[in-house]
């Protein structure tokens, strides 16, 4: 799924080429067909091959995945998740990203303050 989301659409061959230790072509096609049966992918035909694309909006899937990640690994704590992400990034967090995080925190505070005023 990650590969299809990254490429926006992909053939079985393209998916196979991006896998680190790919199974056979038939196995990749079977997996894509299973994901389609589950409603995660759709396909269209192009030059006698199937081109797969996500069945759901990327933003909706992102929100769902993040919600599960927070609940499963961080007990629902946004601060624990952010701390882990910053630790993972090490020195790669740019000043610009840190400023963006500060602005997002201020925006969240402002929304919370407005809700508590009512």
PDB file of N, CA and C in Angstrom:
ATOM      1  N   UNK A   1       0.827  -1.188   0.000  1.00  0.00           N
ATOM      2  CA  UNK A   1       0.000   0.000   0.000  1.00  0.00           C
ATOM      3  C   UNK A   1       0.870   1.250   0.000  1.00  0.00           C
ATOM      4  N   UNK A   2       1.950   1.222   0.779  1.00  0.00           N
ATOM      5  CA  UNK A   2       2.829   2.393   0.845  1.00  0.00           C
ATOM      6  C   UNK A   2       3.349   2.760  -0.535  1.00  0.00           C
ATOM      7  N   UNK A   3       3.720   1.753  -1.305  1.00  0.00           N
ATOM      8  CA  UNK A   3       4.273   1.990  -2.644  1.00  0.00           C
ATOM      9  C   UNK A   3       3.217   2.598  -3.551  1.00  0.00           C
ATOM     10  N   UNK A   4       2.013   2.075  -3.513  1.00  0.00           N
ATOM     11  CA  UNK A   4       0.944   2.608  -4.364  1.00  0.00           C
ATOM     12  C   UNK A   4       0.613   4.040  -3.957  1.00  0.00           C
ATOM     13  N   UNK A   5       0.561   4.318  -2.649  1.00  0.00           N
ATOM     14  CA  UNK A   5       0.308   5.697  -2.217  1.00  0.00           C
ATOM     15  C   UNK A   5       1.437   6.616  -2.663  1.00  0.00           C
ATOM     16  N   UNK A   6       2.660   6.153  -2.546  1.00  0.00           N
ATOM     17  CA  UNK A   6       3.807   6.982  -2.931  1.00  0.00           C
ATOM     18  C   UNK A   6       3.796   7.296  -4.423  1.00  0.00           C
ATOM     19  N   UNK A   7       3.507   6.297  -5.245  1.00  0.00           N
ATOM     20  CA  UNK A   7       3.520   6.486  -6.698  1.00  0.00           C
ATOM     21  C   UNK A   7       2.193   7.039  -7.227  1.00  0.00           C
ATOM     22  N   UNK A   8       1.163   7.030  -6.406  1.00  0.00           N
ATOM     23  CA  UNK A   8      -0.193   7.447  -6.756  1.00  0.00           C
ATOM     24  C   UNK A   8      -0.929   6.383  -7.558  1.00  0.00           C
ATOM     25  N   UNK A   9      -0.231   5.624  -8.367  1.00  0.00           N
ATOM     26  CA  UNK A   9      -0.765   4.464  -9.068  1.00  0.00           C
ATOM     27  C   UNK A   9       0.424   3.626  -9.520  1.00  0.00           C
ATOM     28  N   UNK A  10       0.195   2.297  -9.617  1.00  0.00           N
ATOM     29  CA  UNK A  10       1.328   1.429  -9.949  1.00  0.00           C
ATOM     30  C   UNK A  10       0.843   0.096 -10.500  1.00  0.00           C
ATOM     31  N   UNK A  11       1.646  -0.474 -11.361  1.00  0.00           N
ATOM     32  CA  UNK A  11       1.404  -1.832 -11.852  1.00  0.00           C
ATOM     33  C   UNK A  11       2.047  -2.816 -10.864  1.00  0.00           C
ATOM     34  N   UNK A  12       1.714  -4.074 -10.998  1.00  0.00           N
ATOM     35  CA  UNK A  12       2.326  -5.096 -10.143  1.00  0.00           C
ATOM     36  C   UNK A  12       3.844  -5.090 -10.319  1.00  0.00           C
ATOM     37  N   UNK A  13       4.298  -4.900 -11.537  1.00  0.00           N
ATOM     38  CA  UNK A  13       5.741  -4.877 -11.810  1.00  0.00           C
ATOM     39  C   UNK A  13       6.409  -3.708 -11.083  1.00  0.00           C
ATOM     40  N   UNK A  14       5.780  -2.535 -11.106  1.00  0.00           N
ATOM     41  CA  UNK A  14       6.342  -1.373 -10.412  1.00  0.00           C
ATOM     42  C   UNK A  14       6.402  -1.599  -8.905  1.00  0.00           C
ATOM     43  N   UNK A  15       5.361  -2.216  -8.355  1.00  0.00           N
ATOM     44  CA  UNK A  15       5.362  -2.530  -6.928  1.00  0.00           C
ATOM     45  C   UNK A  15       6.499  -3.498  -6.624  1.00  0.00           C
ATOM     46  N   UNK A  16       6.607  -4.542  -7.429  1.00  0.00           N
ATOM     47  CA  UNK A  16       7.639  -5.559  -7.224  1.00  0.00           C
ATOM     48  C   UNK A  16       9.043  -4.941  -7.265  1.00  0.00           C
ATOM     49  N   UNK A  17       9.266  -4.013  -8.187  1.00  0.00           N
ATOM     50  CA  UNK A  17      10.582  -3.383  -8.330  1.00  0.00           C
ATOM     51  C   UNK A  17      10.963  -2.538  -7.112  1.00  0.00           C
ATOM     52  N   UNK A  18       9.979  -2.081  -6.366  1.00  0.00           N
ATOM     53  CA  UNK A  18      10.258  -1.227  -5.209  1.00  0.00           C
ATOM     54  C   UNK A  18      10.349  -1.985  -3.895  1.00  0.00           C
ATOM     55  N   UNK A  19       9.983  -3.246  -3.912  1.00  0.00           N
ATOM     56  CA  UNK A  19      10.066  -4.047  -2.685  1.00  0.00           C
ATOM     57  C   UNK A  19      11.509  -4.437  -2.428  1.00  0.00           C
ATOM     58  N   UNK A  20      11.968  -4.377  -1.176  1.00  0.00           N
ATOM     59  CA  UNK A  20      13.367  -4.683  -0.868  1.00  0.00           C
ATOM     60  C   UNK A  20      13.737  -6.138  -1.163  1.00  0.00           C
ATOM     61  N   UNK A  21      12.878  -7.070  -0.849  1.00  0.00           N
ATOM     62  CA  UNK A  21      13.141  -8.491  -1.109  1.00  0.00           C
ATOM     63  C   UNK A  21      11.857  -9.082  -1.700  1.00  0.00           C
ATOM     64  N   UNK A  22      11.597  -8.754  -2.967  1.00  0.00           N
ATOM     65  CA  UNK A  22      10.280  -9.068  -3.520  1.00  0.00           C
ATOM     66  C   UNK A  22      10.030 -10.563  -3.700  1.00  0.00           C
ATOM     67  N   UNK A  23       8.773 -10.956  -3.454  1.00  0.00           N
ATOM     68  CA  UNK A  23       8.386 -12.319  -3.808  1.00  0.00           C
ATOM     69  C   UNK A  23       8.221 -12.370  -5.329  1.00  0.00           C
ATOM     70  N   UNK A  24       7.734 -13.452  -5.848  1.00  0.00           N
ATOM     71  CA  UNK A  24       7.523 -13.557  -7.289  1.00  0.00           C
ATOM     72  C   UNK A  24       6.416 -12.640  -7.770  1.00  0.00           C
ATOM     73  N   UNK A  25       6.389 -12.448  -9.074  1.00  0.00           N
ATOM     74  CA  UNK A  25       5.399 -11.580  -9.703  1.00  0.00           C
ATOM     75  C   UNK A  25       3.982 -12.038  -9.379  1.00  0.00           C
ATOM     76  N   UNK A  26       3.740 -13.332  -9.417  1.00  0.00           N
ATOM     77  CA  UNK A  26       2.399 -13.859  -9.138  1.00  0.00           C
ATOM     78  C   UNK A  26       1.962 -13.535  -7.710  1.00  0.00           C
ATOM     79  N   UNK A  27       2.888 -13.604  -6.778  1.00  0.00           N
ATOM     80  CA  UNK A  27       2.569 -13.297  -5.385  1.00  0.00           C
ATOM     81  C   UNK A  27       2.211 -11.819  -5.220  1.00  0.00           C
ATOM     82  N   UNK A  28       2.922 -10.942  -5.916  1.00  0.00           N
ATOM     83  CA  UNK A  28       2.629  -9.513  -5.851  1.00  0.00           C
ATOM     84  C   UNK A  28       1.251  -9.249  -6.449  1.00  0.00           C
ATOM     85  N   UNK A  29       0.949  -9.876  -7.585  1.00  0.00           N
ATOM     86  CA  UNK A  29      -0.383  -9.698  -8.199  1.00  0.00           C
ATOM     87  C   UNK A  29      -1.475 -10.214  -7.275  1.00  0.00           C
ATOM     88  N   UNK A  30      -1.227 -11.334  -6.624  1.00  0.00           N
ATOM     89  CA  UNK A  30      -2.220 -11.900  -5.702  1.00  0.00           C
ATOM     90  C   UNK A  30      -2.444 -10.957  -4.518  1.00  0.00           C
ATOM     91  N   UNK A  31      -1.383 -10.379  -3.995  1.00  0.00           N
ATOM     92  CA  UNK A  31      -1.507  -9.433  -2.881  1.00  0.00           C
ATOM     93  C   UNK A  31      -2.298  -8.195  -3.301  1.00  0.00           C
ATOM     94  N   UNK A  32      -2.000  -7.661  -4.479  1.00  0.00           N
ATOM     95  CA  UNK A  32      -2.729  -6.489  -4.963  1.00  0.00           C
ATOM     96  C   UNK A  32      -4.211  -6.820  -5.174  1.00  0.00           C
ATOM     97  N   UNK A  33      -4.489  -8.018  -5.689  1.00  0.00           N
ATOM     98  CA  UNK A  33      -5.880  -8.445  -5.876  1.00  0.00           C
ATOM     99  C   UNK A  33      -6.590  -8.575  -4.528  1.00  0.00           C
ATOM    100  N   UNK A  34      -5.876  -9.092  -3.525  1.00  0.00           N
ATOM    101  CA  UNK A  34      -6.460  -9.222  -2.185  1.00  0.00           C
ATOM    102  C   UNK A  34      -6.759  -7.840  -1.591  1.00  0.00           C
ATOM    103  N   UNK A  35      -5.844  -6.892  -1.778  1.00  0.00           N
ATOM    104  CA  UNK A  35      -6.070  -5.529  -1.297  1.00  0.00           C
ATOM    105  C   UNK A  35      -7.252  -4.881  -2.024  1.00  0.00           C
ATOM    106  N   UNK A  36      -7.418  -5.233  -3.286  1.00  0.00           N
ATOM    107  CA  UNK A  36      -8.573  -4.724  -4.027  1.00  0.00           C
ATOM    108  C   UNK A  36      -9.866  -5.356  -3.508  1.00  0.00           C
ATOM    109  N   UNK A  37      -9.837  -6.660  -3.240  1.00  0.00           N
ATOM    110  CA  UNK A  37     -11.012  -7.346  -2.684  1.00  0.00           C
ATOM    111  C   UNK A  37     -11.424  -6.746  -1.333  1.00  0.00           C
ATOM    112  N   UNK A  38     -10.434  -6.304  -0.557  1.00  0.00           N
ATOM    113  CA  UNK A  38     -10.713  -5.703   0.753  1.00  0.00           C
ATOM    114  C   UNK A  38     -11.151  -4.245   0.635  1.00  0.00           C
ATOM    115  N   UNK A  39     -11.147  -3.711  -0.583  1.00  0.00           N
ATOM    116  CA  UNK A  39     -11.589  -2.339  -0.792  1.00  0.00           C
ATOM    117  C   UNK A  39     -10.516  -1.292  -0.597  1.00  0.00           C
ATOM    118  N   UNK A  40      -9.268  -1.709  -0.485  1.00  0.00           N
ATOM    119  CA  UNK A  40      -8.174  -0.762  -0.270  1.00  0.00           C
ATOM    120  C   UNK A  40      -7.625  -0.197  -1.583  1.00  0.00           C
ATOM    121  N   UNK A  41      -7.710  -0.976  -2.650  1.00  0.00           N
ATOM    122  CA  UNK A  41      -7.218  -0.556  -3.963  1.00  0.00           C
ATOM    123  C   UNK A  41      -8.328  -0.684  -4.998  1.00  0.00           C
ATOM    124  N   UNK A  42      -8.148   0.032  -6.083  1.00  0.00           N
ATOM    125  CA  UNK A  42      -8.966  -0.127  -7.279  1.00  0.00           C
ATOM    126  C   UNK A  42      -7.994  -0.256  -8.445  1.00  0.00           C
ATOM    127  N   UNK A  43      -8.505  -0.641  -9.608  1.00  0.00           N
ATOM    128  CA  UNK A  43      -7.609  -0.722 -10.754  1.00  0.00           C
ATOM    129  C   UNK A  43      -8.309  -0.238 -12.020  1.00  0.00           C
ATOM    130  N   UNK A  44      -7.484   0.064 -12.997  1.00  0.00           N
ATOM    131  CA  UNK A  44      -7.935   0.335 -14.356  1.00  0.00           C
ATOM    132  C   UNK A  44      -7.008  -0.426 -15.280  1.00  0.00           C
ATOM    133  N   UNK A  45      -7.481  -0.720 -16.477  1.00  0.00           N
ATOM    134  CA  UNK A  45      -6.630  -1.442 -17.424  1.00  0.00           C
ATOM    135  C   UNK A  45      -5.925  -0.457 -18.346  1.00  0.00           C
ATOM    136  N   UNK A  46      -4.654  -0.741 -18.566  1.00  0.00           N
ATOM    137  CA  UNK A  46      -3.858   0.082 -19.478  1.00  0.00           C
ATOM    138  C   UNK A  46      -2.909  -0.837 -20.228  1.00  0.00           C
ATOM    139  N   UNK A  47      -3.051  -0.920 -21.520  1.00  0.00           N
ATOM    140  CA  UNK A  47      -2.182  -1.759 -22.356  1.00  0.00           C
ATOM    141  C   UNK A  47      -2.094  -3.195 -21.826  1.00  0.00           C
ATOM    142  N   UNK A  48      -3.233  -3.791 -21.569  1.00  0.00           N
ATOM    143  CA  UNK A  48      -3.346  -5.180 -21.127  1.00  0.00           C
ATOM    144  C   UNK A  48      -2.761  -5.465 -19.741  1.00  0.00           C
ATOM    145  N   UNK A  49      -2.555  -4.437 -18.947  1.00  0.00           N
ATOM    146  CA  UNK A  49      -2.123  -4.678 -17.566  1.00  0.00           C
ATOM    147  C   UNK A  49      -2.967  -3.830 -16.627  1.00  0.00           C
ATOM    148  N   UNK A  50      -3.024  -4.260 -15.383  1.00  0.00           N
ATOM    149  CA  UNK A  50      -3.776  -3.535 -14.371  1.00  0.00           C
ATOM    150  C   UNK A  50      -2.890  -2.473 -13.745  1.00  0.00           C
ATOM    151  N   UNK A  51      -3.458  -1.284 -13.614  1.00  0.00           N
ATOM    152  CA  UNK A  51      -2.801  -0.199 -12.899  1.00  0.00           C
ATOM    153  C   UNK A  51      -3.636   0.031 -11.641  1.00  0.00           C
ATOM    154  N   UNK A  52      -3.012  -0.153 -10.492  1.00  0.00           N
ATOM    155  CA  UNK A  52      -3.703  -0.042  -9.207  1.00  0.00           C
ATOM    156  C   UNK A  52      -3.545   1.356  -8.633  1.00  0.00           C
ATOM    157  N   UNK A  53      -4.575   1.799  -7.946  1.00  0.00           N
ATOM    158  CA  UNK A  53      -4.539   3.097  -7.273  1.00  0.00           C
ATOM    159  C   UNK A  53      -5.353   2.997  -5.991  1.00  0.00           C
ATOM    160  N   UNK A  54      -5.073   3.862  -5.013  1.00  0.00           N
ATOM    161  CA  UNK A  54      -5.756   3.788  -3.728  1.00  0.00           C
ATOM    162  C   UNK A  54      -7.262   4.029  -3.872  1.00  0.00           C
ATOM    163  N   UNK A  55      -8.030   3.299  -3.102  1.00  0.00           N
ATOM    164  CA  UNK A  55      -9.483   3.458  -3.117  1.00  0.00           C
ATOM    165  C   UNK A  55      -9.939   4.553  -2.155  1.00  0.00           C
ATOM    166  N   UNK A  56      -9.049   4.973  -1.274  1.00  0.00           N
ATOM    167  CA  UNK A  56      -9.417   5.967  -0.253  1.00  0.00           C
ATOM    168  C   UNK A  56      -8.506   7.176  -0.339  1.00  0.00           C
ATOM    169  N   UNK A  57      -9.046   8.307   0.050  1.00  0.00           N
ATOM    170  CA  UNK A  57      -8.296   9.547   0.076  1.00  0.00           C
ATOM    171  C   UNK A  57      -7.105   9.425   1.024  1.00  0.00           C
ATOM    172  N   UNK A  58      -5.972   9.878   0.576  1.00  0.00           N
ATOM    173  CA  UNK A  58      -4.734   9.769   1.367  1.00  0.00           C
ATOM    174  C   UNK A  58      -4.854  10.439   2.729  1.00  0.00           C
ATOM    175  N   UNK A  59      -5.508  11.586   2.789  1.00  0.00           N
ATOM    176  CA  UNK A  59      -5.650  12.298   4.063  1.00  0.00           C
ATOM    177  C   UNK A  59      -6.488  11.494   5.053  1.00  0.00           C
ATOM    178  N   UNK A  60      -7.553  10.852   4.580  1.00  0.00           N
ATOM    179  CA  UNK A  60      -8.384  10.021   5.456  1.00  0.00           C
ATOM    180  C   UNK A  60      -7.588   8.840   6.006  1.00  0.00           C
ATOM    181  N   UNK A  61      -6.798   8.217   5.142  1.00  0.00           N
ATOM    182  CA  UNK A  61      -5.975   7.075   5.556  1.00  0.00           C
ATOM    183  C   UNK A  61      -4.900   7.530   6.532  1.00  0.00           C
ATOM    184  N   UNK A  62      -4.325   8.682   6.280  1.00  0.00           N
ATOM    185  CA  UNK A  62      -3.286   9.232   7.167  1.00  0.00           C
ATOM    186  C   UNK A  62      -3.847   9.470   8.567  1.00  0.00           C
ATOM    187  N   UNK A  63      -5.024  10.081   8.641  1.00  0.00           N
ATOM    188  CA  UNK A  63      -5.651  10.341   9.945  1.00  0.00           C
ATOM    189  C   UNK A  63      -5.933   9.042  10.688  1.00  0.00           C
ATOM    190  N   UNK A  64      -6.462   8.072   9.981  1.00  0.00           N
ATOM    191  CA  UNK A  64      -6.776   6.782  10.590  1.00  0.00           C
ATOM    192  C   UNK A  64      -5.508   6.098  11.104  1.00  0.00           C
ATOM    193  N   UNK A  65      -4.465   6.115  10.296  1.00  0.00           N
ATOM    194  CA  UNK A  65      -3.200   5.480  10.687  1.00  0.00           C
ATOM    195  C   UNK A  65      -2.595   6.182  11.907  1.00  0.00           C
ATOM    196  N   UNK A  66      -2.620   7.503  11.907  1.00  0.00           N
ATOM    197  CA  UNK A  66      -2.062   8.248  13.043  1.00  0.00           C
ATOM    198  C   UNK A  66      -2.862   8.005  14.317  1.00  0.00           C
ATOM    199  N   UNK A  67      -4.165   7.922  14.182  1.00  0.00           N
ATOM    200  CA  UNK A  67      -5.013   7.645  15.349  1.00  0.00           C
ATOM    201  C   UNK A  67      -4.665   6.276  15.939  1.00  0.00           C
ATOM    202  N   UNK A  68      -4.526   5.269  15.073  1.00  0.00           N
ATOM    203  CA  UNK A  68      -4.152   3.925  15.547  1.00  0.00           C
ATOM    204  C   UNK A  68      -2.763   3.928  16.168  1.00  0.00           C
ATOM    205  N   UNK A  69      -1.829   4.640  15.553  1.00  0.00           N
ATOM    206  CA  UNK A  69      -0.467   4.733  16.062  1.00  0.00           C
ATOM    207  C   UNK A  69      -0.450   5.362  17.459  1.00  0.00           C
ATOM    208  N   UNK A  70      -1.171   6.467  17.624  1.00  0.00           N
ATOM    209  CA  UNK A  70      -1.238   7.128  18.933  1.00  0.00           C
ATOM    210  C   UNK A  70      -1.808   6.198  19.997  1.00  0.00           C
ATOM    211  N   UNK A  71      -2.928   5.537  19.676  1.00  0.00           N
ATOM    212  CA  UNK A  71      -3.572   4.647  20.643  1.00  0.00           C
ATOM    213  C   UNK A  71      -2.695   3.445  20.975  1.00  0.00           C
ATOM    214  N   UNK A  72      -2.082   2.853  19.953  1.00  0.00           N
ATOM    215  CA  UNK A  72      -1.346   1.605  20.137  1.00  0.00           C
ATOM    216  C   UNK A  72      -0.008   1.789  20.837  1.00  0.00           C
ATOM    217  N   UNK A  73       0.749   2.800  20.428  1.00  0.00           N
ATOM    218  CA  UNK A  73       2.126   2.919  20.912  1.00  0.00           C
ATOM    219  C   UNK A  73       2.372   4.060  21.892  1.00  0.00           C
ATOM    220  N   UNK A  74       1.436   5.012  21.982  1.00  0.00           N
ATOM    221  CA  UNK A  74       1.688   6.182  22.814  1.00  0.00           C
ATOM    222  C   UNK A  74       0.547   6.464  23.792  1.00  0.00           C
ATOM    223  N   UNK A  75      -0.296   5.470  24.039  1.00  0.00           N
ATOM    224  CA  UNK A  75      -1.418   5.626  24.968  1.00  0.00           C
ATOM    225  C   UNK A  75      -2.241   6.880  24.690  1.00  0.00           C
ATOM    226  N   UNK A  76      -2.330   7.250  23.421  1.00  0.00           N
ATOM    227  CA  UNK A  76      -3.113   8.416  23.030  1.00  0.00           C
ATOM    228  C   UNK A  76      -2.428   9.750  23.269  1.00  0.00           C
ATOM    229  N   UNK A  77      -1.183   9.733  23.694  1.00  0.00           N
ATOM    230  CA  UNK A  77      -0.471  10.963  24.050  1.00  0.00           C
ATOM    231  C   UNK A  77       0.238  11.579  22.840  1.00  0.00           C
ATOM    232  N   UNK A  78      -0.232  12.753  22.446  1.00  0.00           N
ATOM    233  CA  UNK A  78       0.396  13.473  21.346  1.00  0.00           C
ATOM    234  C   UNK A  78       1.820  13.888  21.712  1.00  0.00           C
ATOM    235  N   UNK A  79       2.027  14.318  22.960  1.00  0.00           N
ATOM    236  CA  UNK A  79       3.361  14.779  23.363  1.00  0.00           C
ATOM    237  C   UNK A  79       4.375  13.632  23.333  1.00  0.00           C
ATOM    238  N   UNK A  80       3.970  12.431  23.770  1.00  0.00           N
ATOM    239  CA  UNK A  80       4.875  11.275  23.695  1.00  0.00           C
ATOM    240  C   UNK A  80       5.232  10.954  22.242  1.00  0.00           C
ATOM    241  N   UNK A  81       4.239  11.024  21.352  1.00  0.00           N
ATOM    242  CA  UNK A  81       4.485  10.741  19.937  1.00  0.00           C
ATOM    243  C   UNK A  81       5.426  11.782  19.330  1.00  0.00           C
ATOM    244  N   UNK A  82       5.180  13.054  19.619  1.00  0.00           N
ATOM    245  CA  UNK A  82       6.041  14.114  19.088  1.00  0.00           C
ATOM    246  C   UNK A  82       7.464  13.984  19.623  1.00  0.00           C
ATOM    247  N   UNK A  83       7.587  13.652  20.906  1.00  0.00           N
ATOM    248  CA  UNK A  83       8.907  13.467  21.500  1.00  0.00           C
ATOM    249  C   UNK A  83       9.657  12.336  20.789  1.00  0.00           C
ATOM    250  N   UNK A  84       8.965  11.242  20.523  1.00  0.00           N
ATOM    251  CA  UNK A  84       9.587  10.110  19.826  1.00  0.00           C
ATOM    252  C   UNK A  84      10.008  10.511  18.417  1.00  0.00           C
ATOM    253  N   UNK A  85       9.171  11.269  17.721  1.00  0.00           N
ATOM    254  CA  UNK A  85       9.510  11.690  16.359  1.00  0.00           C
ATOM    255  C   UNK A  85      10.712  12.626  16.346  1.00  0.00           C
ATOM    256  N   UNK A  86      10.764  13.538  17.304  1.00  0.00           N
ATOM    257  CA  UNK A  86      11.890  14.466  17.371  1.00  0.00           C
ATOM    258  C   UNK A  86      13.167  13.711  17.743  1.00  0.00           C
ATOM    259  N   UNK A  87      13.052  12.751  18.676  1.00  0.00           N
ATOM    260  CA  UNK A  87      14.217  11.934  19.034  1.00  0.00           C
ATOM    261  C   UNK A  87      14.732  11.149  17.833  1.00  0.00           C
ATOM    262  N   UNK A  88      13.817  10.585  17.051  1.00  0.00           N
ATOM    263  CA  UNK A  88      14.204   9.826  15.857  1.00  0.00           C
ATOM    264  C   UNK A  88      14.905  10.707  14.838  1.00  0.00           C
ATOM    265  N   UNK A  89      14.445  11.946  14.724  1.00  0.00           N
ATOM    266  CA  UNK A  89      15.003  12.866  13.739  1.00  0.00           C
ATOM    267  C   UNK A  89      16.384  13.358  14.148  1.00  0.00           C
ATOM    268  N   UNK A  90      16.655  13.311  15.443  1.00  0.00           N
ATOM    269  CA  UNK A  90      17.959  13.767  15.924  1.00  0.00           C
ATOM    270  C   UNK A  90      18.236  15.196  15.518  1.00  0.00           C
ATOM    271  N   UNK A  91      19.390  15.417  14.922  1.00  0.00           N
ATOM    272  CA  UNK A  91      19.790  16.759  14.508  1.00  0.00           C
ATOM    273  C   UNK A  91      19.204  17.153  13.157  1.00  0.00           C
ATOM    274  N   UNK A  92      18.396  16.273  12.562  1.00  0.00           N
ATOM    275  CA  UNK A  92      17.838  16.551  11.237  1.00  0.00           C
ATOM    276  C   UNK A  92      16.604  17.450  11.272  1.00  0.00           C
ATOM    277  N   UNK A  93      16.144  17.825  12.457  1.00  0.00           N
ATOM    278  CA  UNK A  93      14.992  18.727  12.556  1.00  0.00           C
ATOM    279  C   UNK A  93      15.497  20.138  12.287  1.00  0.00           C
ATOM    280  N   UNK A  94      14.983  20.725  11.222  1.00  0.00           N
ATOM    281  CA  UNK A  94      15.448  22.063  10.836  1.00  0.00           C
ATOM    282  C   UNK A  94      14.819  23.133  11.729  1.00  0.00           C
ATOM    283  N   UNK A  95      15.438  24.296  11.729  1.00  0.00           N
ATOM    284  CA  UNK A  95      14.883  25.432  12.470  1.00  0.00           C
ATOM    285  C   UNK A  95      13.490  25.769  11.944  1.00  0.00           C
ATOM    286  N   UNK A  96      13.312  25.637  10.658  1.00  0.00           N
ATOM    287  CA  UNK A  96      12.008  25.916  10.044  1.00  0.00           C
ATOM    288  C   UNK A  96      10.946  24.960  10.579  1.00  0.00           C
ATOM    289  N   UNK A  97      11.284  23.668  10.666  1.00  0.00           N
ATOM    290  CA  UNK A  97      10.326  22.692  11.190  1.00  0.00           C
ATOM    291  C   UNK A  97      10.002  22.961  12.658  1.00  0.00           C
ATOM    292  N   UNK A  98      11.015  23.324  13.426  1.00  0.00           N
ATOM    293  CA  UNK A  98      10.778  23.654  14.836  1.00  0.00           C
ATOM    294  C   UNK A  98       9.862  24.862  14.967  1.00  0.00           C
ATOM    295  N   UNK A  99      10.057  25.850  14.114  1.00  0.00           N
ATOM    296  CA  UNK A  99       9.188  27.028  14.122  1.00  0.00           C
ATOM    297  C   UNK A  99       7.755  26.634  13.744  1.00  0.00           C
ATOM    298  N   UNK A 100       7.613  25.770  12.738  1.00  0.00           N
ATOM    299  CA  UNK A 100       6.288  25.303  12.343  1.00  0.00           C
ATOM    300  C   UNK A 100       5.605  24.570  13.495  1.00  0.00           C
ATOM    301  N   UNK A 101       6.359  23.756  14.230  1.00  0.00           N
ATOM    302  CA  UNK A 101       5.795  23.049  15.386  1.00  0.00           C
ATOM    303  C   UNK A 101       5.336  24.036  16.456  1.00  0.00           C
ATOM    304  N   UNK A 102       6.154  25.055  16.710  1.00  0.00           N
ATOM    305  CA  UNK A 102       5.772  26.080  17.686  1.00  0.00           C
ATOM    306  C   UNK A 102       4.474  26.770  17.261  1.00  0.00           C
ATOM    307  N   UNK A 103       4.356  27.076  15.979  1.00  0.00           N
ATOM    308  CA  UNK A 103       3.155  27.736  15.475  1.00  0.00           C
ATOM    309  C   UNK A 103       1.934  26.821  15.591  1.00  0.00           C
ATOM    310  N   UNK A 104       2.108  25.547  15.323  1.00  0.00           N
ATOM    311  CA  UNK A 104       1.005  24.592  15.458  1.00  0.00           C
ATOM    312  C   UNK A 104       0.558  24.477  16.909  1.00  0.00           C
ATOM    313  N   UNK A 105       1.519  24.495  17.823  1.00  0.00           N
ATOM    314  CA  UNK A 105       1.187  24.431  19.251  1.00  0.00           C
ATOM    315  C   UNK A 105       0.407  25.680  19.665  1.00  0.00           C
ATOM    316  N   UNK A 106       0.846  26.828  19.212  1.00  0.00           N
ATOM    317  CA  UNK A 106       0.141  28.076  19.539  1.00  0.00           C
ATOM    318  C   UNK A 106      -1.272  28.066  18.953  1.00  0.00           C
ATOM    319  N   UNK A 107      -1.414  27.573  17.758  1.00  0.00           N
ATOM    320  CA  UNK A 107      -2.729  27.480  17.114  1.00  0.00           C
ATOM    321  C   UNK A 107      -3.650  26.553  17.912  1.00  0.00           C
ATOM    322  N   UNK A 108      -3.103  25.421  18.366  1.00  0.00           N
ATOM    323  CA  UNK A 108      -3.890  24.479  19.177  1.00  0.00           C
ATOM    324  C   UNK A 108      -4.296  25.119  20.495  1.00  0.00           C
ATOM    325  N   UNK A 109      -3.387  25.863  21.113  1.00  0.00           N
ATOM    326  CA  UNK A 109      -3.704  26.572  22.369  1.00  0.00           C
ATOM    327  C   UNK A 109      -4.834  27.567  22.157  1.00  0.00           C
ATOM    328  N   UNK A 110      -4.741  28.284  21.076  1.00  0.00           N
ATOM    329  CA  UNK A 110      -5.745  29.296  20.763  1.00  0.00           C
ATOM    330  C   UNK A 110      -7.121  28.650  20.557  1.00  0.00           C
ATOM    331  N   UNK A 111      -7.170  27.544  19.838  1.00  0.00           N
ATOM    332  CA  UNK A 111      -8.445  26.836  19.631  1.00  0.00           C
ATOM    333  C   UNK A 111      -9.000  26.328  20.951  1.00  0.00           C
ATOM    334  N   UNK A 112      -8.116  25.807  21.803  1.00  0.00           N
ATOM    335  CA  UNK A 112      -8.551  25.289  23.098  1.00  0.00           C
ATOM    336  C   UNK A 112      -9.107  26.417  23.960  1.00  0.00           C
ATOM    337  N   UNK A 113      -8.400  27.570  23.961  1.00  0.00           N
ATOM    338  CA  UNK A 113      -8.858  28.720  24.739  1.00  0.00           C
ATOM    339  C   UNK A 113     -10.227  29.207  24.272  1.00  0.00           C
ATOM    340  N   UNK A 114     -10.439  29.225  22.966  1.00  0.00           N
ATOM    341  CA  UNK A 114     -11.733  29.658  22.415  1.00  0.00           C
ATOM    342  C   UNK A 114     -12.844  28.700  22.836  1.00  0.00           C
ATOM    343  N   UNK A 115     -12.560  27.399  22.843  1.00  0.00           N
ATOM    344  CA  UNK A 115     -13.573  26.412  23.249  1.00  0.00           C
ATOM    345  C   UNK A 115     -13.898  26.546  24.722  1.00  0.00           C
ATOM    346  N   UNK A 116     -12.906  26.840  25.553  1.00  0.00           N
ATOM    347  CA  UNK A 116     -13.154  26.931  27.007  1.00  0.00           C
ATOM    348  C   UNK A 116     -13.867  28.232  27.382  1.00  0.00           C
ATOM    349  N   UNK A 117     -13.839  29.224  26.488  1.00  0.00           N
ATOM    350  CA  UNK A 117     -14.547  30.482  26.744  1.00  0.00           C
ATOM    351  C   UNK A 117     -16.051  30.328  26.578  1.00  0.00           C
ATOM    352  N   UNK A 118     -16.479  29.288  25.874  1.00  0.00           N
ATOM    353  CA  UNK A 118     -17.922  29.130  25.607  1.00  0.00           C
ATOM    354  C   UNK A 118     -18.607  28.304  26.616  1.00  0.00           C
TER     355      UNK A 118
END
